[in-house]
Amino acid sequence: MNLTDPIAAGNTAKVYLHENRVVKVFHSHLPEGEAAVEANKQILAHSCGLPVPEIVGVTKIDGRQAIIMEYVKGRTLGELAEADRASAEYFMSLSVDVQLKIHTNSADSLEPMSEKLTRQINASGELSQKQKYLLLGKLASMSNNNRLCHGDFHLNNLIMSKHDVTIIDWVDSSSGNIPADVYRSYLLYSQVSSKLAELYLRLYCQKSGLQKEQVLDWGPIIAGARLSENVSSERSGRLLKIVDQYCTAP
């Protein structure tokens, strides 16, 4: 398969368009089986009746793991909102409706979110042993259920094609707690714009009946876990500030 210029690139893979298929080629340092795990998560979401690109196959390209999937033509809601800022609330409201549909599904076969968060907190080199202890203690005290959580839900992972919205990038999905998944989205938005983050949180709480405090209570746990991701665009200082507000509270 001759792949030239990627249409997207991230921490784990590069994405190509080839013969009207999307080909996601994983970086060589990732553990064997990573592509299959992600593909199975997407297959699960598809089986729930959610608008998700269909998996065509899992293979290897030049020795690297790869997923071949359906190509969905369109623009992301993020691109549409950026092009028409007056309609930002409309696109955000549309995205919340999609996320609410995700959260109606159970996901017993996926990794429990609590296990994933525990692993990430323990792996963070920027957290002290005391901070890890306190965060893991807080995590253990939180209620946990088996709702399907996307884990990386934001406007740029939603593609509008005609009048349908397709959800992409299921690599971070898990079985867990809805307010935790909502805080994760809130944290991602706040990296870009506090105004956008507050709009998202207000709309989700209005539509779902969740209380804002239920979501924000997950702040130190999700922020601490994100430190392990080493995302180049993320500022570790702001994440540590969220953690410190909890860990140094009287």
C-alpha atoms as a PDB file:
ATOM      1  CA  MET A   1       0.000   0.000   0.000  1.00  0.00           C
ATOM      2  CA  ASN A   2       1.552   3.277  -1.146  1.00  0.00           C
ATOM      3  CA  LEU A   3       0.746   5.983   1.407  1.00  0.00           C
ATOM      4  CA  THR A   4       1.978   9.518   0.840  1.00  0.00           C
ATOM      5  CA  ASP A   5       0.901  12.619   2.765  1.00  0.00           C
ATOM      6  CA  PRO A   6      -1.046  12.043   5.993  1.00  0.00           C
ATOM      7  CA  ILE A   7      -4.317  13.919   6.464  1.00  0.00           C
ATOM      8  CA  ALA A   8      -3.805  13.930  10.243  1.00  0.00           C
ATOM      9  CA  ALA A   9      -1.135  13.036  12.793  1.00  0.00           C
ATOM     10  CA  GLY A  10      -1.187  12.476  16.532  1.00  0.00           C
ATOM     11  CA  ASN A  11       0.744  11.031  19.446  1.00  0.00           C
ATOM     12  CA  THR A  12       0.020   7.435  18.463  1.00  0.00           C
ATOM     13  CA  ALA A  13      -0.468   7.350  14.703  1.00  0.00           C
ATOM     14  CA  LYS A  14      -0.640   9.029  11.320  1.00  0.00           C
ATOM     15  CA  VAL A  15      -3.855   8.929   9.296  1.00  0.00           C
ATOM     16  CA  TYR A  16      -4.006   8.614   5.518  1.00  0.00           C
ATOM     17  CA  LEU A  17      -6.717   8.626   2.866  1.00  0.00           C
ATOM     18  CA  HIS A  18      -6.227   5.781   0.390  1.00  0.00           C
ATOM     19  CA  GLU A  19      -8.700   4.555  -2.233  1.00  0.00           C
ATOM     20  CA  ASN A  20     -11.629   6.077  -0.362  1.00  0.00           C
ATOM     21  CA  ARG A  21     -10.605   4.398   2.900  1.00  0.00           C
ATOM     22  CA  VAL A  22      -9.023   5.861   6.009  1.00  0.00           C
ATOM     23  CA  VAL A  23      -5.786   4.124   6.988  1.00  0.00           C
ATOM     24  CA  LYS A  24      -4.493   4.737  10.512  1.00  0.00           C
ATOM     25  CA  VAL A  25      -0.838   3.691  10.792  1.00  0.00           C
ATOM     26  CA  PHE A  26       0.490   3.423  14.338  1.00  0.00           C
ATOM     27  CA  HIS A  27       3.925   4.577  15.427  1.00  0.00           C
ATOM     28  CA  SER A  28       6.481   1.790  15.769  1.00  0.00           C
ATOM     29  CA  HIS A  29       7.046   2.232  19.526  1.00  0.00           C
ATOM     30  CA  LEU A  30       3.512   1.207  20.445  1.00  0.00           C
ATOM     31  CA  PRO A  31       2.989  -2.282  21.918  1.00  0.00           C
ATOM     32  CA  GLU A  32       1.849  -5.128  19.711  1.00  0.00           C
ATOM     33  CA  GLY A  33      -1.924  -5.425  19.638  1.00  0.00           C
ATOM     34  CA  GLU A  34      -2.599  -1.707  20.058  1.00  0.00           C
ATOM     35  CA  ALA A  35      -4.362  -1.457  16.694  1.00  0.00           C
ATOM     36  CA  ALA A  36      -6.586  -4.448  17.464  1.00  0.00           C
ATOM     37  CA  VAL A  37      -7.558  -2.999  20.853  1.00  0.00           C
ATOM     38  CA  GLU A  38      -8.561   0.317  19.305  1.00  0.00           C
ATOM     39  CA  ALA A  39     -10.420  -1.379  16.455  1.00  0.00           C
ATOM     40  CA  ASN A  40     -12.398  -3.493  18.920  1.00  0.00           C
ATOM     41  CA  LYS A  41     -13.413  -0.362  20.835  1.00  0.00           C
ATOM     42  CA  GLN A  42     -14.727   1.171  17.627  1.00  0.00           C
ATOM     43  CA  ILE A  43     -16.507  -2.057  16.696  1.00  0.00           C
ATOM     44  CA  LEU A  44     -18.218  -2.009  20.098  1.00  0.00           C
ATOM     45  CA  ALA A  45     -19.368   1.583  19.592  1.00  0.00           C
ATOM     46  CA  HIS A  46     -20.656   0.666  16.129  1.00  0.00           C
ATOM     47  CA  SER A  47     -22.549  -2.312  17.578  1.00  0.00           C
ATOM     48  CA  CYS A  48     -24.316   0.081  19.963  1.00  0.00           C
ATOM     49  CA  GLY A  49     -25.877   1.774  16.948  1.00  0.00           C
ATOM     50  CA  LEU A  50     -23.709   4.867  17.281  1.00  0.00           C
ATOM     51  CA  PRO A  51     -22.603   6.734  14.149  1.00  0.00           C
ATOM     52  CA  VAL A  52     -19.036   5.430  13.949  1.00  0.00           C
ATOM     53  CA  PRO A  53     -16.850   4.617  10.913  1.00  0.00           C
ATOM     54  CA  GLU A  54     -17.023   0.913  10.117  1.00  0.00           C
ATOM     55  CA  ILE A  55     -13.803  -1.057  10.590  1.00  0.00           C
ATOM     56  CA  VAL A  56     -12.672  -2.728   7.359  1.00  0.00           C
ATOM     57  CA  GLY A  57      -9.666  -4.529   8.812  1.00  0.00           C
ATOM     58  CA  VAL A  58      -6.594  -4.581  11.036  1.00  0.00           C
ATOM     59  CA  THR A  59      -3.287  -5.202   9.260  1.00  0.00           C
ATOM     60  CA  LYS A  60       0.387  -4.252   9.073  1.00  0.00           C
ATOM     61  CA  ILE A  61       1.920  -1.764   6.648  1.00  0.00           C
ATOM     62  CA  ASP A  62       5.704  -1.711   6.374  1.00  0.00           C
ATOM     63  CA  GLY A  63       5.882  -3.567   9.660  1.00  0.00           C
ATOM     64  CA  ARG A  64       3.613  -1.141  11.520  1.00  0.00           C
ATOM     65  CA  GLN A  65       0.188  -1.849  12.940  1.00  0.00           C
ATOM     66  CA  ALA A  66      -2.663  -0.265  11.013  1.00  0.00           C
ATOM     67  CA  ILE A  67      -6.436   0.020  10.979  1.00  0.00           C
ATOM     68  CA  ILE A  68      -8.372   0.402   7.731  1.00  0.00           C
ATOM     69  CA  MET A  69     -11.793   1.949   8.120  1.00  0.00           C
ATOM     70  CA  GLU A  70     -14.662   3.606   6.328  1.00  0.00           C
ATOM     71  CA  TYR A  71     -14.004   7.139   5.056  1.00  0.00           C
ATOM     72  CA  VAL A  72     -16.566   9.697   6.162  1.00  0.00           C
ATOM     73  CA  LYS A  73     -16.474  12.827   4.039  1.00  0.00           C
ATOM     74  CA  GLY A  74     -17.245  16.081   5.788  1.00  0.00           C
ATOM     75  CA  ARG A  75     -15.925  18.742   8.147  1.00  0.00           C
ATOM     76  CA  THR A  76     -15.460  18.521  11.877  1.00  0.00           C
ATOM     77  CA  LEU A  77     -17.807  20.466  14.125  1.00  0.00           C
ATOM     78  CA  GLY A  78     -14.704  22.290  15.336  1.00  0.00           C
ATOM     79  CA  GLU A  79     -13.965  23.512  11.828  1.00  0.00           C
ATOM     80  CA  LEU A  80     -17.571  24.537  11.315  1.00  0.00           C
ATOM     81  CA  ALA A  81     -17.693  26.399  14.635  1.00  0.00           C
ATOM     82  CA  GLU A  82     -14.436  28.181  13.859  1.00  0.00           C
ATOM     83  CA  ALA A  83     -15.748  29.260  10.450  1.00  0.00           C
ATOM     84  CA  ASP A  84     -19.027  30.520  11.930  1.00  0.00           C
ATOM     85  CA  ARG A  85     -18.401  31.608  15.503  1.00  0.00           C
ATOM     86  CA  ALA A  86     -21.909  32.994  15.848  1.00  0.00           C
ATOM     87  CA  SER A  87     -23.119  29.394  15.603  1.00  0.00           C
ATOM     88  CA  ALA A  88     -20.653  27.983  18.147  1.00  0.00           C
ATOM     89  CA  GLU A  89     -23.383  27.303  20.700  1.00  0.00           C
ATOM     90  CA  TYR A  90     -25.438  25.432  18.090  1.00  0.00           C
ATOM     91  CA  PHE A  91     -22.534  23.131  17.226  1.00  0.00           C
ATOM     92  CA  MET A  92     -21.665  22.628  20.889  1.00  0.00           C
ATOM     93  CA  SER A  93     -25.286  21.774  21.672  1.00  0.00           C
ATOM     94  CA  LEU A  94     -25.282  19.293  18.795  1.00  0.00           C
ATOM     95  CA  SER A  95     -22.126  17.679  20.169  1.00  0.00           C
ATOM     96  CA  VAL A  96     -23.642  17.335  23.645  1.00  0.00           C
ATOM     97  CA  ASP A  97     -26.644  15.533  22.152  1.00  0.00           C
ATOM     98  CA  VAL A  98     -24.217  13.060  20.571  1.00  0.00           C
ATOM     99  CA  GLN A  99     -22.324  12.551  23.823  1.00  0.00           C
ATOM    100  CA  LEU A 100     -25.561  11.928  25.706  1.00  0.00           C
ATOM    101  CA  LYS A 101     -26.326   9.112  23.243  1.00  0.00           C
ATOM    102  CA  ILE A 102     -22.889   7.604  23.868  1.00  0.00           C
ATOM    103  CA  HIS A 103     -23.481   7.659  27.616  1.00  0.00           C
ATOM    104  CA  THR A 104     -26.744   5.711  27.376  1.00  0.00           C
ATOM    105  CA  ASN A 105     -24.764   2.590  26.447  1.00  0.00           C
ATOM    106  CA  SER A 106     -23.071   0.110  28.766  1.00  0.00           C
ATOM    107  CA  ALA A 107     -19.564  -1.107  27.995  1.00  0.00           C
ATOM    108  CA  ASP A 108     -18.803  -4.136  30.166  1.00  0.00           C
ATOM    109  CA  SER A 109     -16.190  -5.472  27.733  1.00  0.00           C
ATOM    110  CA  LEU A 110     -14.001  -2.353  27.807  1.00  0.00           C
ATOM    111  CA  GLU A 111     -11.240  -1.610  30.298  1.00  0.00           C
ATOM    112  CA  PRO A 112     -12.730  -0.037  33.447  1.00  0.00           C
ATOM    113  CA  MET A 113     -12.005   3.678  33.594  1.00  0.00           C
ATOM    114  CA  SER A 114     -10.827   3.336  37.205  1.00  0.00           C
ATOM    115  CA  GLU A 115      -8.076   0.918  36.123  1.00  0.00           C
ATOM    116  CA  LYS A 116      -6.994   3.219  33.316  1.00  0.00           C
ATOM    117  CA  LEU A 117      -6.890   6.277  35.600  1.00  0.00           C
ATOM    118  CA  THR A 118      -4.967   4.347  38.259  1.00  0.00           C
ATOM    119  CA  ARG A 119      -2.365   3.304  35.706  1.00  0.00           C
ATOM    120  CA  GLN A 120      -2.004   6.846  34.372  1.00  0.00           C
ATOM    121  CA  ILE A 121      -1.681   8.455  37.809  1.00  0.00           C
ATOM    122  CA  ASN A 122       0.945   5.928  38.846  1.00  0.00           C
ATOM    123  CA  ALA A 123       2.857   6.523  35.592  1.00  0.00           C
ATOM    124  CA  SER A 124       3.088  10.301  35.963  1.00  0.00           C
ATOM    125  CA  GLY A 125       6.605  11.500  36.691  1.00  0.00           C
ATOM    126  CA  GLU A 126       5.361  14.947  37.711  1.00  0.00           C
ATOM    127  CA  LEU A 127       3.261  13.788  40.647  1.00  0.00           C
ATOM    128  CA  SER A 128       4.791  13.196  44.065  1.00  0.00           C
ATOM    129  CA  GLN A 129       4.113   9.974  45.935  1.00  0.00           C
ATOM    130  CA  LYS A 130       1.872  11.905  48.315  1.00  0.00           C
ATOM    131  CA  GLN A 131      -0.136  13.372  45.440  1.00  0.00           C
ATOM    132  CA  LYS A 132      -0.543   9.924  43.866  1.00  0.00           C
ATOM    133  CA  TYR A 133      -1.681   8.500  47.189  1.00  0.00           C
ATOM    134  CA  LEU A 134      -4.272  11.235  47.674  1.00  0.00           C
ATOM    135  CA  LEU A 135      -5.552  11.058  44.082  1.00  0.00           C
ATOM    136  CA  LEU A 136      -5.862   7.271  44.156  1.00  0.00           C
ATOM    137  CA  GLY A 137      -7.659   7.498  47.471  1.00  0.00           C
ATOM    138  CA  LYS A 138     -10.119   9.976  45.989  1.00  0.00           C
ATOM    139  CA  LEU A 139     -10.574   7.759  42.923  1.00  0.00           C
ATOM    140  CA  ALA A 140     -11.365   4.773  45.158  1.00  0.00           C
ATOM    141  CA  SER A 141     -14.061   6.800  46.905  1.00  0.00           C
ATOM    142  CA  MET A 142     -15.843   7.751  43.671  1.00  0.00           C
ATOM    143  CA  SER A 143     -18.828   5.834  42.372  1.00  0.00           C
ATOM    144  CA  ASN A 144     -18.082   3.762  39.305  1.00  0.00           C
ATOM    145  CA  ASN A 145     -20.388   2.299  36.670  1.00  0.00           C
ATOM    146  CA  ASN A 146     -20.053   0.777  33.250  1.00  0.00           C
ATOM    147  CA  ARG A 147     -21.213   3.537  30.946  1.00  0.00           C
ATOM    148  CA  LEU A 148     -19.537   3.868  27.549  1.00  0.00           C
ATOM    149  CA  CYS A 149     -17.149   6.837  27.790  1.00  0.00           C
ATOM    150  CA  HIS A 150     -15.341   8.205  24.737  1.00  0.00           C
ATOM    151  CA  GLY A 151     -12.401   9.631  26.664  1.00  0.00           C
ATOM    152  CA  ASP A 152     -11.446  12.238  24.051  1.00  0.00           C
ATOM    153  CA  PHE A 153     -14.780  13.800  23.178  1.00  0.00           C
ATOM    154  CA  HIS A 154     -14.631  17.254  21.597  1.00  0.00           C
ATOM    155  CA  LEU A 155     -15.779  19.115  18.486  1.00  0.00           C
ATOM    156  CA  ASN A 156     -12.806  18.017  16.384  1.00  0.00           C
ATOM    157  CA  ASN A 157     -13.653  14.342  16.853  1.00  0.00           C
ATOM    158  CA  LEU A 158     -17.093  14.818  15.334  1.00  0.00           C
ATOM    159  CA  ILE A 159     -17.518  14.919  11.551  1.00  0.00           C
ATOM    160  CA  MET A 160     -20.631  16.411   9.995  1.00  0.00           C
ATOM    161  CA  SER A 161     -21.560  14.764   6.724  1.00  0.00           C
ATOM    162  CA  LYS A 162     -24.746  16.185   5.227  1.00  0.00           C
ATOM    163  CA  HIS A 163     -27.044  16.122   8.274  1.00  0.00           C
ATOM    164  CA  ASP A 164     -25.350  13.302  10.187  1.00  0.00           C
ATOM    165  CA  VAL A 165     -22.578  13.514  12.783  1.00  0.00           C
ATOM    166  CA  THR A 166     -19.985  10.725  12.945  1.00  0.00           C
ATOM    167  CA  ILE A 167     -17.863  10.090  16.042  1.00  0.00           C
ATOM    168  CA  ILE A 168     -14.188   9.279  15.447  1.00  0.00           C
ATOM    169  CA  ASP A 169     -11.054   8.441  17.494  1.00  0.00           C
ATOM    170  CA  TRP A 170     -12.128   5.847  20.076  1.00  0.00           C
ATOM    171  CA  VAL A 171      -8.644   4.990  21.330  1.00  0.00           C
ATOM    172  CA  ASP A 172      -9.262   6.442  24.814  1.00  0.00           C
ATOM    173  CA  SER A 173     -12.706   4.942  25.351  1.00  0.00           C
ATOM    174  CA  SER A 174     -13.421   2.962  28.504  1.00  0.00           C
ATOM    175  CA  SER A 175     -16.174   1.664  30.748  1.00  0.00           C
ATOM    176  CA  GLY A 176     -16.746   4.163  33.499  1.00  0.00           C
ATOM    177  CA  ASN A 177     -18.290   7.180  35.115  1.00  0.00           C
ATOM    178  CA  ILE A 178     -20.216   9.767  33.075  1.00  0.00           C
ATOM    179  CA  PRO A 179     -19.192  12.855  35.112  1.00  0.00           C
ATOM    180  CA  ALA A 180     -15.554  11.804  34.709  1.00  0.00           C
ATOM    181  CA  ASP A 181     -15.928  11.639  30.932  1.00  0.00           C
ATOM    182  CA  VAL A 182     -17.625  15.038  30.951  1.00  0.00           C
ATOM    183  CA  TYR A 183     -14.817  16.552  33.009  1.00  0.00           C
ATOM    184  CA  ARG A 184     -12.288  15.133  30.564  1.00  0.00           C
ATOM    185  CA  SER A 185     -14.026  17.026  27.730  1.00  0.00           C
ATOM    186  CA  TYR A 186     -14.256  20.140  29.914  1.00  0.00           C
ATOM    187  CA  LEU A 187     -10.510  19.924  30.612  1.00  0.00           C
ATOM    188  CA  LEU A 188      -9.716  19.592  26.898  1.00  0.00           C
ATOM    189  CA  TYR A 189     -11.871  22.601  26.024  1.00  0.00           C
ATOM    190  CA  SER A 190     -10.377  24.692  28.820  1.00  0.00           C
ATOM    191  CA  GLN A 191      -6.927  24.168  27.277  1.00  0.00           C
ATOM    192  CA  VAL A 192      -8.170  26.193  24.299  1.00  0.00           C
ATOM    193  CA  SER A 193     -10.807  28.529  25.741  1.00  0.00           C
ATOM    194  CA  SER A 194     -12.354  28.874  29.194  1.00  0.00           C
ATOM    195  CA  LYS A 195     -15.436  30.378  27.546  1.00  0.00           C
ATOM    196  CA  LEU A 196     -15.845  27.309  25.326  1.00  0.00           C
ATOM    197  CA  ALA A 197     -15.318  24.997  28.299  1.00  0.00           C
ATOM    198  CA  GLU A 198     -17.975  26.737  30.368  1.00  0.00           C
ATOM    199  CA  LEU A 199     -20.407  26.683  27.432  1.00  0.00           C
ATOM    200  CA  TYR A 200     -19.898  22.937  27.065  1.00  0.00           C
ATOM    201  CA  LEU A 201     -20.339  22.246  30.768  1.00  0.00           C
ATOM    202  CA  ARG A 202     -23.457  24.399  31.019  1.00  0.00           C
ATOM    203  CA  LEU A 203     -25.099  22.685  28.055  1.00  0.00           C
ATOM    204  CA  TYR A 204     -24.246  19.172  29.214  1.00  0.00           C
ATOM    205  CA  CYS A 205     -25.587  19.801  32.708  1.00  0.00           C
ATOM    206  CA  GLN A 206     -28.760  21.409  31.358  1.00  0.00           C
ATOM    207  CA  LYS A 207     -29.470  18.538  28.996  1.00  0.00           C
ATOM    208  CA  SER A 208     -28.488  15.689  31.324  1.00  0.00           C
ATOM    209  CA  GLY A 209     -29.571  16.884  34.752  1.00  0.00           C
ATOM    210  CA  LEU A 210     -26.043  16.455  36.131  1.00  0.00           C
ATOM    211  CA  GLN A 211     -24.908  19.014  38.658  1.00  0.00           C
ATOM    212  CA  LYS A 212     -21.823  21.040  37.805  1.00  0.00           C
ATOM    213  CA  GLU A 213     -20.279  20.049  41.156  1.00  0.00           C
ATOM    214  CA  GLN A 214     -20.595  16.354  40.248  1.00  0.00           C
ATOM    215  CA  VAL A 215     -18.431  16.972  37.203  1.00  0.00           C
ATOM    216  CA  LEU A 216     -15.882  19.293  38.801  1.00  0.00           C
ATOM    217  CA  ASP A 217     -15.344  16.809  41.636  1.00  0.00           C
ATOM    218  CA  TRP A 218     -13.402  14.678  39.141  1.00  0.00           C
ATOM    219  CA  GLY A 219     -11.011  17.543  38.337  1.00  0.00           C
ATOM    220  CA  PRO A 220      -7.891  16.528  40.298  1.00  0.00           C
ATOM    221  CA  ILE A 221      -8.162  12.868  39.246  1.00  0.00           C
ATOM    222  CA  ILE A 222      -8.537  13.574  35.518  1.00  0.00           C
ATOM    223  CA  ALA A 223      -5.908  16.326  35.560  1.00  0.00           C
ATOM    224  CA  GLY A 224      -3.459  14.076  37.408  1.00  0.00           C
ATOM    225  CA  ALA A 225      -4.024  11.251  34.944  1.00  0.00           C
ATOM    226  CA  ARG A 226      -3.540  13.558  31.956  1.00  0.00           C
ATOM    227  CA  LEU A 227      -0.052  14.447  33.179  1.00  0.00           C
ATOM    228  CA  SER A 228       1.111  10.977  32.121  1.00  0.00           C
ATOM    229  CA  GLU A 229       0.117  11.585  28.499  1.00  0.00           C
ATOM    230  CA  ASN A 230       2.934  14.071  27.841  1.00  0.00           C
ATOM    231  CA  VAL A 231       0.911  15.956  25.222  1.00  0.00           C
ATOM    232  CA  SER A 232       3.105  18.643  23.671  1.00  0.00           C
ATOM    233  CA  SER A 233       0.255  21.184  23.455  1.00  0.00           C
ATOM    234  CA  GLU A 234      -0.766  20.696  27.088  1.00  0.00           C
ATOM    235  CA  ARG A 235       0.645  22.853  29.901  1.00  0.00           C
ATOM    236  CA  SER A 236       1.574  20.645  32.819  1.00  0.00           C
ATOM    237  CA  GLY A 237       1.561  23.668  35.130  1.00  0.00           C
ATOM    238  CA  ARG A 238      -2.189  24.158  34.803  1.00  0.00           C
ATOM    239  CA  LEU A 239      -2.818  20.466  35.454  1.00  0.00           C
ATOM    240  CA  LEU A 240      -0.631  20.505  38.562  1.00  0.00           C
ATOM    241  CA  LYS A 241      -2.524  23.566  39.790  1.00  0.00           C
ATOM    242  CA  ILE A 242      -5.795  21.599  39.637  1.00  0.00           C
ATOM    243  CA  VAL A 243      -4.153  18.704  41.482  1.00  0.00           C
ATOM    244  CA  ASP A 244      -2.584  20.979  44.102  1.00  0.00           C
ATOM    245  CA  GLN A 245      -5.901  22.639  44.900  1.00  0.00           C
ATOM    246  CA  TYR A 246      -7.122  19.256  46.101  1.00  0.00           C
ATOM    247  CA  CYS A 247      -3.922  17.825  47.557  1.00  0.00           C
ATOM    248  CA  THR A 248      -3.091  20.902  49.643  1.00  0.00           C
ATOM    249  CA  ALA A 249      -6.654  21.603  50.816  1.00  0.00           C
ATOM    250  CA  PRO A 250      -6.980  21.710  54.625  1.00  0.00           C
END
